[in-house]
Amino acid sequence: MSESRPAPQYGEFASPEQQAKAMGLPWPPPPVAEPAARILDPVPATATRSQRLGARLAIARRWDVMLCTILLAYGLYSVVSGLFQFADLAEITKQLFISQGIGTYTPTALTPVLGAVINITNVLIYAATVYVTYRVLIRGNIAFYIPIVGALLAGAIGTVCLLVLLFQDPSFVTYLTKMNG
């Protein structure tokens, strides 16, 4: 470097060559060999099966895991609260008829059976939804849609059962014919 420039004063910047000379280091500095980038395997080869599954779950998309957890928690709440509601389906239907001014509901032998069918299918669909969601998350795939599909399936089955129950009641059929003219 040419020495045409005066030595830096206090508060001025020295060039890299001047800094090296002041520190007694050679210029240019010797090249530093970069260590080869290691690929970190989150699942070591000696890991047990449960460690591999846990590591894969940790790798999954966090937003998907959080959304699945929220949806499954809401599904659990719905299933548990539905167990109490549909266990006494006759009383719930009577209250519905009174509140809507439909008439008087007459329970049939099918009423407790349909309540049990709704409860059993809700529990089975929820269990299957939890299992499938877990398996898909373990593979590292997006799984938020699985609880939604499970809820839609359980809702469709419950709706069909309730429609069968309502359309067997003469008061409800009379109410519908009055509504249509």
N, C-alpha and C. Protein backbone atom coordinates (compact mmCIF):
# COMPACT_ATOMS: atom_id res chain seq x y z
N MET A 1 0.84 -1.17 0.00
CA MET A 1 0.00 0.00 0.00
C MET A 1 0.89 1.23 0.00
N SER A 2 0.43 2.24 -0.64
CA SER A 2 1.24 3.46 -0.68
C SER A 2 1.09 4.20 0.63
N GLU A 3 2.18 4.83 1.03
CA GLU A 3 2.19 5.56 2.30
C GLU A 3 1.88 7.03 2.07
N SER A 4 1.16 7.36 0.99
CA SER A 4 0.83 8.76 0.72
C SER A 4 -0.19 9.28 1.72
N ARG A 5 -0.86 8.41 2.31
CA ARG A 5 -1.86 8.81 3.29
C ARG A 5 -1.19 8.89 4.66
N PRO A 6 -1.48 9.92 5.44
CA PRO A 6 -0.85 10.01 6.76
C PRO A 6 -1.45 8.98 7.72
N ALA A 7 -0.73 8.71 8.76
CA ALA A 7 -1.20 7.77 9.78
C ALA A 7 -2.50 8.29 10.37
N PRO A 8 -3.44 7.39 10.67
CA PRO A 8 -4.74 7.86 11.19
C PRO A 8 -4.59 8.49 12.57
N GLN A 9 -5.33 9.50 12.82
CA GLN A 9 -5.37 10.17 14.12
C GLN A 9 -6.50 9.56 14.94
N TYR A 10 -6.60 9.99 16.19
CA TYR A 10 -7.63 9.47 17.08
C TYR A 10 -9.00 9.75 16.47
N GLY A 11 -9.84 8.72 16.38
CA GLY A 11 -11.18 8.86 15.83
C GLY A 11 -11.27 8.57 14.35
N GLU A 12 -10.13 8.36 13.68
CA GLU A 12 -10.16 8.04 12.26
C GLU A 12 -10.01 6.54 12.09
N PHE A 13 -10.42 6.07 10.95
CA PHE A 13 -10.33 4.64 10.66
C PHE A 13 -9.02 4.32 9.97
N ALA A 14 -8.39 3.27 10.41
CA ALA A 14 -7.18 2.79 9.75
C ALA A 14 -7.58 1.75 8.73
N SER A 15 -6.79 1.64 7.68
CA SER A 15 -7.06 0.62 6.66
C SER A 15 -6.73 -0.75 7.25
N PRO A 16 -7.22 -1.81 6.66
CA PRO A 16 -6.91 -3.15 7.18
C PRO A 16 -5.41 -3.42 7.20
N GLU A 17 -4.66 -2.90 6.20
CA GLU A 17 -3.22 -3.10 6.19
C GLU A 17 -2.56 -2.41 7.37
N GLN A 18 -3.00 -1.19 7.67
CA GLN A 18 -2.44 -0.44 8.79
C GLN A 18 -2.79 -1.11 10.12
N GLN A 19 -3.99 -1.66 10.21
CA GLN A 19 -4.38 -2.35 11.44
C GLN A 19 -3.51 -3.59 11.65
N ALA A 20 -3.28 -4.35 10.58
CA ALA A 20 -2.46 -5.56 10.69
C ALA A 20 -1.03 -5.18 11.08
N LYS A 21 -0.48 -4.11 10.48
CA LYS A 21 0.89 -3.69 10.78
C LYS A 21 1.01 -3.26 12.24
N ALA A 22 -0.02 -2.53 12.74
CA ALA A 22 0.01 -2.07 14.13
C ALA A 22 -0.07 -3.24 15.10
N MET A 23 -0.74 -4.31 14.72
CA MET A 23 -0.86 -5.48 15.60
C MET A 23 0.27 -6.46 15.39
N GLY A 24 1.10 -6.22 14.42
CA GLY A 24 2.23 -7.11 14.15
C GLY A 24 1.81 -8.39 13.45
N LEU A 25 0.75 -8.34 12.68
CA LEU A 25 0.26 -9.52 11.95
C LEU A 25 0.61 -9.39 10.48
N PRO A 26 0.78 -10.51 9.79
CA PRO A 26 1.08 -10.44 8.35
C PRO A 26 -0.15 -9.98 7.57
N TRP A 27 0.15 -9.29 6.45
CA TRP A 27 -0.95 -8.88 5.56
C TRP A 27 -0.69 -9.41 4.19
N PRO A 28 -1.55 -9.94 3.46
CA PRO A 28 -2.92 -10.31 3.81
C PRO A 28 -2.93 -11.51 4.75
N PRO A 29 -3.98 -11.65 5.56
CA PRO A 29 -4.01 -12.76 6.50
C PRO A 29 -4.09 -14.09 5.76
N PRO A 30 -3.55 -15.14 6.38
CA PRO A 30 -3.62 -16.45 5.71
C PRO A 30 -5.08 -16.90 5.59
N PRO A 31 -5.41 -17.59 4.51
CA PRO A 31 -6.80 -18.03 4.33
C PRO A 31 -7.19 -19.04 5.42
N VAL A 32 -8.40 -18.90 5.87
CA VAL A 32 -8.93 -19.80 6.91
C VAL A 32 -9.70 -20.91 6.21
N ALA A 33 -9.34 -22.13 6.54
CA ALA A 33 -10.04 -23.27 5.96
C ALA A 33 -11.39 -23.42 6.66
N GLU A 34 -12.46 -23.33 5.89
CA GLU A 34 -13.81 -23.49 6.43
C GLU A 34 -14.05 -24.96 6.72
N PRO A 35 -14.52 -25.29 7.91
CA PRO A 35 -14.84 -26.70 8.16
C PRO A 35 -16.04 -27.11 7.31
N ALA A 36 -16.01 -28.34 6.87
CA ALA A 36 -17.11 -28.84 6.05
C ALA A 36 -18.40 -28.82 6.87
N ALA A 37 -19.45 -28.34 6.25
CA ALA A 37 -20.74 -28.27 6.94
C ALA A 37 -21.26 -29.68 7.18
N ARG A 38 -21.54 -29.94 8.45
CA ARG A 38 -22.07 -31.26 8.79
C ARG A 38 -23.58 -31.23 8.64
N ILE A 39 -24.10 -32.29 8.14
CA ILE A 39 -25.55 -32.44 8.07
C ILE A 39 -25.98 -33.10 9.37
N LEU A 40 -26.79 -32.39 10.12
CA LEU A 40 -27.25 -32.92 11.39
C LEU A 40 -28.46 -33.81 11.14
N ASP A 41 -28.34 -35.03 11.53
CA ASP A 41 -29.45 -35.97 11.39
C ASP A 41 -30.26 -35.90 12.67
N PRO A 42 -31.52 -35.43 12.60
CA PRO A 42 -32.30 -35.33 13.82
C PRO A 42 -32.66 -36.70 14.40
N VAL A 43 -32.53 -37.73 13.59
CA VAL A 43 -32.84 -39.07 14.05
C VAL A 43 -31.59 -39.92 13.90
N PRO A 44 -30.82 -40.11 14.97
CA PRO A 44 -29.61 -40.92 14.86
C PRO A 44 -29.94 -42.36 14.52
N ALA A 45 -28.97 -43.02 13.91
CA ALA A 45 -29.18 -44.40 13.47
C ALA A 45 -29.42 -45.34 14.65
N THR A 46 -28.89 -45.00 15.81
CA THR A 46 -29.04 -45.89 16.98
C THR A 46 -30.28 -45.57 17.80
N ALA A 47 -31.15 -44.69 17.32
CA ALA A 47 -32.33 -44.29 18.09
C ALA A 47 -33.34 -45.42 18.16
N THR A 48 -34.07 -45.44 19.26
CA THR A 48 -35.15 -46.42 19.40
C THR A 48 -36.34 -45.96 18.57
N ARG A 49 -37.34 -46.82 18.46
CA ARG A 49 -38.51 -46.49 17.64
C ARG A 49 -39.22 -45.25 18.19
N SER A 50 -39.40 -45.17 19.49
CA SER A 50 -40.10 -44.02 20.07
C SER A 50 -39.29 -42.74 19.90
N GLN A 51 -37.96 -42.82 19.95
CA GLN A 51 -37.14 -41.63 19.73
C GLN A 51 -37.27 -41.16 18.29
N ARG A 52 -37.31 -42.10 17.35
CA ARG A 52 -37.47 -41.72 15.94
C ARG A 52 -38.82 -41.04 15.72
N LEU A 53 -39.88 -41.60 16.31
CA LEU A 53 -41.21 -41.00 16.15
C LEU A 53 -41.26 -39.61 16.77
N GLY A 54 -40.67 -39.46 17.95
CA GLY A 54 -40.65 -38.16 18.60
C GLY A 54 -39.87 -37.13 17.82
N ALA A 55 -38.75 -37.54 17.24
CA ALA A 55 -37.93 -36.62 16.44
C ALA A 55 -38.67 -36.20 15.18
N ARG A 56 -39.37 -37.14 14.57
CA ARG A 56 -40.13 -36.79 13.37
C ARG A 56 -41.26 -35.84 13.70
N LEU A 57 -41.92 -36.06 14.84
CA LEU A 57 -43.00 -35.17 15.24
C LEU A 57 -42.47 -33.77 15.51
N ALA A 58 -41.27 -33.66 16.08
CA ALA A 58 -40.68 -32.36 16.36
C ALA A 58 -40.34 -31.62 15.07
N ILE A 59 -40.07 -32.36 14.01
CA ILE A 59 -39.72 -31.75 12.74
C ILE A 59 -40.97 -31.23 12.02
N ALA A 60 -42.12 -31.82 12.31
CA ALA A 60 -43.35 -31.45 11.60
C ALA A 60 -43.61 -29.95 11.73
N ARG A 61 -44.44 -29.48 10.85
CA ARG A 61 -44.76 -28.05 10.87
C ARG A 61 -45.48 -27.71 12.18
N ARG A 62 -44.95 -26.74 12.89
CA ARG A 62 -45.50 -26.40 14.20
C ARG A 62 -46.93 -25.87 14.10
N TRP A 63 -47.22 -25.07 13.09
CA TRP A 63 -48.57 -24.52 12.96
C TRP A 63 -49.57 -25.63 12.75
N ASP A 64 -49.18 -26.66 12.01
CA ASP A 64 -50.08 -27.77 11.73
C ASP A 64 -50.34 -28.57 13.00
N VAL A 65 -49.29 -28.79 13.77
CA VAL A 65 -49.45 -29.53 15.03
C VAL A 65 -50.35 -28.74 15.97
N MET A 66 -50.14 -27.43 16.06
CA MET A 66 -50.96 -26.59 16.94
C MET A 66 -52.42 -26.58 16.48
N LEU A 67 -52.64 -26.42 15.19
CA LEU A 67 -54.01 -26.39 14.68
C LEU A 67 -54.70 -27.73 14.88
N CYS A 68 -53.99 -28.82 14.64
CA CYS A 68 -54.56 -30.16 14.87
C CYS A 68 -54.91 -30.35 16.34
N THR A 69 -54.04 -29.88 17.23
CA THR A 69 -54.30 -30.01 18.66
C THR A 69 -55.55 -29.23 19.07
N ILE A 70 -55.68 -28.03 18.56
CA ILE A 70 -56.86 -27.21 18.87
C ILE A 70 -58.12 -27.87 18.34
N LEU A 71 -58.09 -28.33 17.09
CA LEU A 71 -59.27 -28.96 16.51
C LEU A 71 -59.64 -30.26 17.22
N LEU A 72 -58.63 -31.06 17.58
CA LEU A 72 -58.92 -32.31 18.30
C LEU A 72 -59.43 -32.03 19.71
N ALA A 73 -58.93 -30.99 20.36
CA ALA A 73 -59.43 -30.63 21.69
C ALA A 73 -60.89 -30.19 21.61
N TYR A 74 -61.22 -29.40 20.60
CA TYR A 74 -62.62 -29.00 20.41
C TYR A 74 -63.49 -30.21 20.09
N GLY A 75 -62.96 -31.12 19.29
CA GLY A 75 -63.70 -32.35 18.99
C GLY A 75 -63.94 -33.19 20.23
N LEU A 76 -62.95 -33.27 21.10
CA LEU A 76 -63.12 -34.02 22.36
C LEU A 76 -64.21 -33.38 23.21
N TYR A 77 -64.19 -32.06 23.29
CA TYR A 77 -65.23 -31.35 24.04
C TYR A 77 -66.61 -31.65 23.45
N SER A 78 -66.72 -31.61 22.13
CA SER A 78 -68.00 -31.88 21.48
C SER A 78 -68.48 -33.30 21.72
N VAL A 79 -67.57 -34.25 21.64
CA VAL A 79 -67.95 -35.65 21.85
C VAL A 79 -68.39 -35.88 23.29
N VAL A 80 -67.65 -35.35 24.25
CA VAL A 80 -68.00 -35.56 25.66
C VAL A 80 -69.32 -34.88 26.00
N SER A 81 -69.51 -33.65 25.54
CA SER A 81 -70.78 -32.97 25.82
C SER A 81 -71.93 -33.65 25.08
N GLY A 82 -71.67 -34.19 23.91
CA GLY A 82 -72.70 -34.91 23.17
C GLY A 82 -73.12 -36.20 23.84
N LEU A 83 -72.20 -36.82 24.58
CA LEU A 83 -72.55 -38.04 25.30
C LEU A 83 -73.70 -37.79 26.26
N PHE A 84 -73.69 -36.65 26.93
CA PHE A 84 -74.76 -36.34 27.88
C PHE A 84 -76.03 -35.89 27.16
N GLN A 85 -75.89 -35.15 26.08
CA GLN A 85 -77.06 -34.66 25.36
C GLN A 85 -77.81 -35.80 24.67
N PHE A 86 -77.09 -36.62 23.95
CA PHE A 86 -77.75 -37.66 23.16
C PHE A 86 -78.14 -38.88 23.99
N ALA A 87 -77.64 -38.97 25.22
CA ALA A 87 -78.06 -40.07 26.10
C ALA A 87 -79.53 -39.91 26.48
N ASP A 88 -80.01 -38.67 26.55
CA ASP A 88 -81.41 -38.39 26.86
C ASP A 88 -82.02 -37.64 25.68
N LEU A 89 -82.04 -38.27 24.55
CA LEU A 89 -82.49 -37.63 23.31
C LEU A 89 -83.97 -37.27 23.37
N ALA A 90 -84.78 -38.07 24.06
CA ALA A 90 -86.22 -37.79 24.14
C ALA A 90 -86.46 -36.45 24.84
N GLU A 91 -85.77 -36.20 25.92
CA GLU A 91 -85.97 -34.95 26.67
C GLU A 91 -85.48 -33.75 25.86
N ILE A 92 -84.36 -33.89 25.18
CA ILE A 92 -83.84 -32.81 24.35
C ILE A 92 -84.82 -32.49 23.22
N THR A 93 -85.39 -33.52 22.62
CA THR A 93 -86.34 -33.32 21.52
C THR A 93 -87.63 -32.68 22.03
N LYS A 94 -88.09 -33.07 23.22
CA LYS A 94 -89.28 -32.44 23.81
C LYS A 94 -89.04 -30.95 24.02
N GLN A 95 -87.87 -30.60 24.54
CA GLN A 95 -87.54 -29.19 24.75
C GLN A 95 -87.48 -28.43 23.43
N LEU A 96 -86.96 -29.06 22.40
CA LEU A 96 -86.91 -28.44 21.07
C LEU A 96 -88.31 -28.16 20.56
N PHE A 97 -89.20 -29.13 20.68
CA PHE A 97 -90.57 -28.98 20.19
C PHE A 97 -91.29 -27.86 20.94
N ILE A 98 -91.09 -27.78 22.26
CA ILE A 98 -91.75 -26.75 23.05
C ILE A 98 -91.20 -25.37 22.69
N SER A 99 -89.89 -25.24 22.58
CA SER A 99 -89.28 -23.93 22.30
C SER A 99 -89.62 -23.42 20.90
N GLN A 100 -89.83 -24.32 19.95
CA GLN A 100 -90.13 -23.91 18.58
C GLN A 100 -91.63 -23.87 18.29
N GLY A 101 -92.45 -24.29 19.26
CA GLY A 101 -93.89 -24.28 19.06
C GLY A 101 -94.35 -25.32 18.05
N ILE A 102 -93.66 -26.43 17.99
CA ILE A 102 -93.99 -27.47 17.00
C ILE A 102 -95.17 -28.30 17.48
N GLY A 103 -95.25 -28.56 18.74
CA GLY A 103 -96.30 -29.42 19.29
C GLY A 103 -95.72 -30.26 20.40
N THR A 104 -96.26 -31.45 20.56
CA THR A 104 -95.80 -32.36 21.61
C THR A 104 -95.04 -33.50 20.98
N TYR A 105 -93.86 -33.74 21.49
CA TYR A 105 -93.05 -34.86 20.97
C TYR A 105 -93.44 -36.13 21.71
N THR A 106 -93.64 -37.19 20.93
CA THR A 106 -93.96 -38.50 21.49
C THR A 106 -92.77 -39.41 21.27
N PRO A 107 -92.05 -39.76 22.36
CA PRO A 107 -90.89 -40.64 22.20
C PRO A 107 -91.31 -42.02 21.70
N THR A 108 -90.47 -42.60 20.86
CA THR A 108 -90.70 -43.95 20.34
C THR A 108 -89.58 -44.85 20.83
N ALA A 109 -89.67 -46.12 20.48
CA ALA A 109 -88.62 -47.06 20.87
C ALA A 109 -87.32 -46.75 20.14
N LEU A 110 -87.42 -46.03 19.03
CA LEU A 110 -86.24 -45.70 18.23
C LEU A 110 -85.43 -44.55 18.84
N THR A 111 -86.05 -43.75 19.69
CA THR A 111 -85.39 -42.56 20.23
C THR A 111 -84.10 -42.90 20.99
N PRO A 112 -84.11 -43.80 21.98
CA PRO A 112 -82.85 -44.10 22.68
C PRO A 112 -81.84 -44.82 21.79
N VAL A 113 -82.34 -45.58 20.82
CA VAL A 113 -81.43 -46.29 19.91
C VAL A 113 -80.66 -45.28 19.05
N LEU A 114 -81.37 -44.29 18.53
CA LEU A 114 -80.70 -43.27 17.71
C LEU A 114 -79.73 -42.43 18.55
N GLY A 115 -80.09 -42.16 19.79
CA GLY A 115 -79.16 -41.45 20.68
C GLY A 115 -77.89 -42.25 20.90
N ALA A 116 -78.04 -43.56 21.10
CA ALA A 116 -76.87 -44.42 21.29
C ALA A 116 -76.04 -44.51 20.01
N VAL A 117 -76.72 -44.58 18.86
CA VAL A 117 -76.00 -44.65 17.57
C VAL A 117 -75.18 -43.38 17.37
N ILE A 118 -75.76 -42.23 17.68
CA ILE A 118 -75.03 -40.97 17.53
C ILE A 118 -73.81 -40.95 18.46
N ASN A 119 -74.01 -41.35 19.71
CA ASN A 119 -72.89 -41.34 20.67
C ASN A 119 -71.78 -42.30 20.26
N ILE A 120 -72.15 -43.51 19.87
CA ILE A 120 -71.14 -44.51 19.50
C ILE A 120 -70.37 -44.08 18.26
N THR A 121 -71.09 -43.58 17.25
CA THR A 121 -70.38 -43.15 16.03
C THR A 121 -69.49 -41.95 16.32
N ASN A 122 -69.94 -41.02 17.17
CA ASN A 122 -69.09 -39.87 17.51
C ASN A 122 -67.80 -40.31 18.19
N VAL A 123 -67.91 -41.25 19.12
CA VAL A 123 -66.71 -41.72 19.83
C VAL A 123 -65.78 -42.46 18.87
N LEU A 124 -66.34 -43.33 18.04
CA LEU A 124 -65.50 -44.10 17.10
C LEU A 124 -64.84 -43.20 16.06
N ILE A 125 -65.60 -42.25 15.53
CA ILE A 125 -65.03 -41.33 14.53
C ILE A 125 -63.95 -40.46 15.18
N TYR A 126 -64.19 -40.03 16.41
CA TYR A 126 -63.17 -39.22 17.09
C TYR A 126 -61.89 -40.03 17.31
N ALA A 127 -62.03 -41.26 17.76
CA ALA A 127 -60.84 -42.10 17.99
C ALA A 127 -60.08 -42.33 16.69
N ALA A 128 -60.81 -42.60 15.61
CA ALA A 128 -60.16 -42.81 14.31
C ALA A 128 -59.49 -41.52 13.83
N THR A 129 -60.12 -40.39 14.07
CA THR A 129 -59.56 -39.11 13.67
C THR A 129 -58.26 -38.82 14.41
N VAL A 130 -58.25 -39.08 15.71
CA VAL A 130 -57.02 -38.86 16.49
C VAL A 130 -55.90 -39.76 15.98
N TYR A 131 -56.21 -41.02 15.73
CA TYR A 131 -55.20 -41.97 15.27
C TYR A 131 -54.63 -41.56 13.90
N VAL A 132 -55.52 -41.26 12.96
CA VAL A 132 -55.06 -40.91 11.61
C VAL A 132 -54.28 -39.59 11.64
N THR A 133 -54.75 -38.62 12.41
CA THR A 133 -54.03 -37.35 12.52
C THR A 133 -52.63 -37.56 13.07
N TYR A 134 -52.51 -38.37 14.11
CA TYR A 134 -51.21 -38.66 14.70
C TYR A 134 -50.28 -39.32 13.68
N ARG A 135 -50.79 -40.30 12.96
CA ARG A 135 -49.96 -41.01 11.98
C ARG A 135 -49.48 -40.06 10.86
N VAL A 136 -50.36 -39.19 10.41
CA VAL A 136 -49.98 -38.26 9.34
C VAL A 136 -48.97 -37.24 9.86
N LEU A 137 -49.15 -36.76 11.09
CA LEU A 137 -48.18 -35.82 11.66
C LEU A 137 -46.82 -36.47 11.84
N ILE A 138 -46.80 -37.74 12.23
CA ILE A 138 -45.53 -38.44 12.42
C ILE A 138 -44.76 -38.52 11.11
N ARG A 139 -45.48 -38.70 10.02
CA ARG A 139 -44.82 -38.75 8.71
C ARG A 139 -44.34 -37.38 8.25
N GLY A 140 -44.73 -36.33 8.96
CA GLY A 140 -44.30 -34.98 8.60
C GLY A 140 -45.19 -34.32 7.56
N ASN A 141 -46.37 -34.88 7.31
CA ASN A 141 -47.29 -34.31 6.33
C ASN A 141 -48.28 -33.38 7.01
N ILE A 142 -48.93 -32.56 6.21
CA ILE A 142 -49.95 -31.65 6.73
C ILE A 142 -51.18 -32.47 7.10
N ALA A 143 -51.75 -32.20 8.29
CA ALA A 143 -52.84 -33.05 8.78
C ALA A 143 -54.03 -32.26 9.32
N PHE A 144 -54.03 -30.93 9.21
CA PHE A 144 -55.11 -30.16 9.84
C PHE A 144 -56.48 -30.49 9.27
N TYR A 145 -56.54 -30.96 8.04
CA TYR A 145 -57.82 -31.24 7.41
C TYR A 145 -58.46 -32.51 7.95
N ILE A 146 -57.71 -33.39 8.57
CA ILE A 146 -58.26 -34.67 9.05
C ILE A 146 -59.28 -34.45 10.17
N PRO A 147 -59.01 -33.63 11.20
CA PRO A 147 -60.06 -33.38 12.20
C PRO A 147 -61.30 -32.70 11.60
N ILE A 148 -61.10 -31.87 10.59
CA ILE A 148 -62.24 -31.21 9.96
C ILE A 148 -63.10 -32.24 9.23
N VAL A 149 -62.46 -33.16 8.51
CA VAL A 149 -63.21 -34.21 7.81
C VAL A 149 -63.92 -35.11 8.82
N GLY A 150 -63.26 -35.43 9.93
CA GLY A 150 -63.89 -36.24 10.97
C GLY A 150 -65.12 -35.56 11.55
N ALA A 151 -65.02 -34.25 11.78
CA ALA A 151 -66.17 -33.50 12.31
C ALA A 151 -67.32 -33.47 11.31
N LEU A 152 -67.00 -33.29 10.04
CA LEU A 152 -68.05 -33.28 9.01
C LEU A 152 -68.73 -34.64 8.91
N LEU A 153 -67.95 -35.71 8.99
CA LEU A 153 -68.51 -37.05 8.92
C LEU A 153 -69.41 -37.33 10.12
N ALA A 154 -68.94 -37.00 11.32
CA ALA A 154 -69.75 -37.21 12.53
C ALA A 154 -71.01 -36.34 12.49
N GLY A 155 -70.88 -35.12 12.01
CA GLY A 155 -72.04 -34.24 11.90
C GLY A 155 -73.07 -34.75 10.90
N ALA A 156 -72.59 -35.30 9.79
CA ALA A 156 -73.51 -35.84 8.78
C ALA A 156 -74.27 -37.05 9.33
N ILE A 157 -73.58 -37.93 10.02
CA ILE A 157 -74.24 -39.11 10.59
C ILE A 157 -75.24 -38.69 11.66
N GLY A 158 -74.86 -37.75 12.51
CA GLY A 158 -75.77 -37.25 13.54
C GLY A 158 -76.99 -36.58 12.94
N THR A 159 -76.80 -35.81 11.88
CA THR A 159 -77.92 -35.14 11.22
C THR A 159 -78.89 -36.14 10.63
N VAL A 160 -78.38 -37.16 9.98
CA VAL A 160 -79.26 -38.19 9.40
C VAL A 160 -80.06 -38.88 10.51
N CYS A 161 -79.41 -39.21 11.60
CA CYS A 161 -80.13 -39.87 12.72
C CYS A 161 -81.21 -38.95 13.29
N LEU A 162 -80.91 -37.67 13.45
CA LEU A 162 -81.91 -36.74 13.98
C LEU A 162 -83.06 -36.52 13.01
N LEU A 163 -82.76 -36.49 11.72
CA LEU A 163 -83.84 -36.34 10.73
C LEU A 163 -84.75 -37.56 10.72
N VAL A 164 -84.18 -38.75 10.86
CA VAL A 164 -85.00 -39.96 10.95
C VAL A 164 -85.91 -39.86 12.16
N LEU A 165 -85.37 -39.40 13.28
CA LEU A 165 -86.15 -39.26 14.51
C LEU A 165 -87.28 -38.25 14.34
N LEU A 166 -86.97 -37.09 13.76
CA LEU A 166 -87.97 -36.04 13.62
C LEU A 166 -89.07 -36.40 12.63
N PHE A 167 -88.70 -37.01 11.52
CA PHE A 167 -89.71 -37.31 10.51
C PHE A 167 -90.61 -38.47 10.88
N GLN A 168 -90.32 -39.17 11.97
CA GLN A 168 -91.22 -40.22 12.45
C GLN A 168 -92.26 -39.66 13.41
N ASP A 169 -92.11 -38.42 13.83
CA ASP A 169 -93.05 -37.83 14.78
C ASP A 169 -94.20 -37.17 14.04
N PRO A 170 -95.45 -37.53 14.36
CA PRO A 170 -96.59 -36.94 13.65
C PRO A 170 -96.72 -35.42 13.88
N SER A 171 -96.36 -34.93 15.06
CA SER A 171 -96.45 -33.48 15.33
C SER A 171 -95.51 -32.71 14.42
N PHE A 172 -94.33 -33.23 14.20
CA PHE A 172 -93.35 -32.56 13.36
C PHE A 172 -93.81 -32.55 11.90
N VAL A 173 -94.34 -33.67 11.43
CA VAL A 173 -94.83 -33.74 10.05
C VAL A 173 -95.99 -32.78 9.86
N THR A 174 -96.90 -32.70 10.84
CA THR A 174 -98.02 -31.76 10.76
C THR A 174 -97.51 -30.33 10.74
N TYR A 175 -96.53 -30.03 11.56
CA TYR A 175 -95.94 -28.69 11.61
C TYR A 175 -95.34 -28.32 10.25
N LEU A 176 -94.64 -29.27 9.62
CA LEU A 176 -94.04 -28.99 8.31
C LEU A 176 -95.10 -28.75 7.24
N THR A 177 -96.18 -29.52 7.28
CA THR A 177 -97.23 -29.32 6.26
C THR A 177 -97.92 -27.98 6.47
N LYS A 178 -98.08 -27.52 7.72
CA LYS A 178 -98.66 -26.20 7.98
C LYS A 178 -97.73 -25.10 7.49
N MET A 179 -96.42 -25.31 7.64
CA MET A 179 -95.45 -24.30 7.22
C MET A 179 -95.42 -24.15 5.71
N ASN A 180 -95.65 -25.24 4.98
CA ASN A 180 -95.61 -25.20 3.52
C ASN A 180 -96.91 -24.71 2.92
N GLY A 181 -97.94 -24.60 3.70
CA GLY A 181 -99.19 -24.05 3.18
C GLY A 181 -100.22 -25.06 3.19
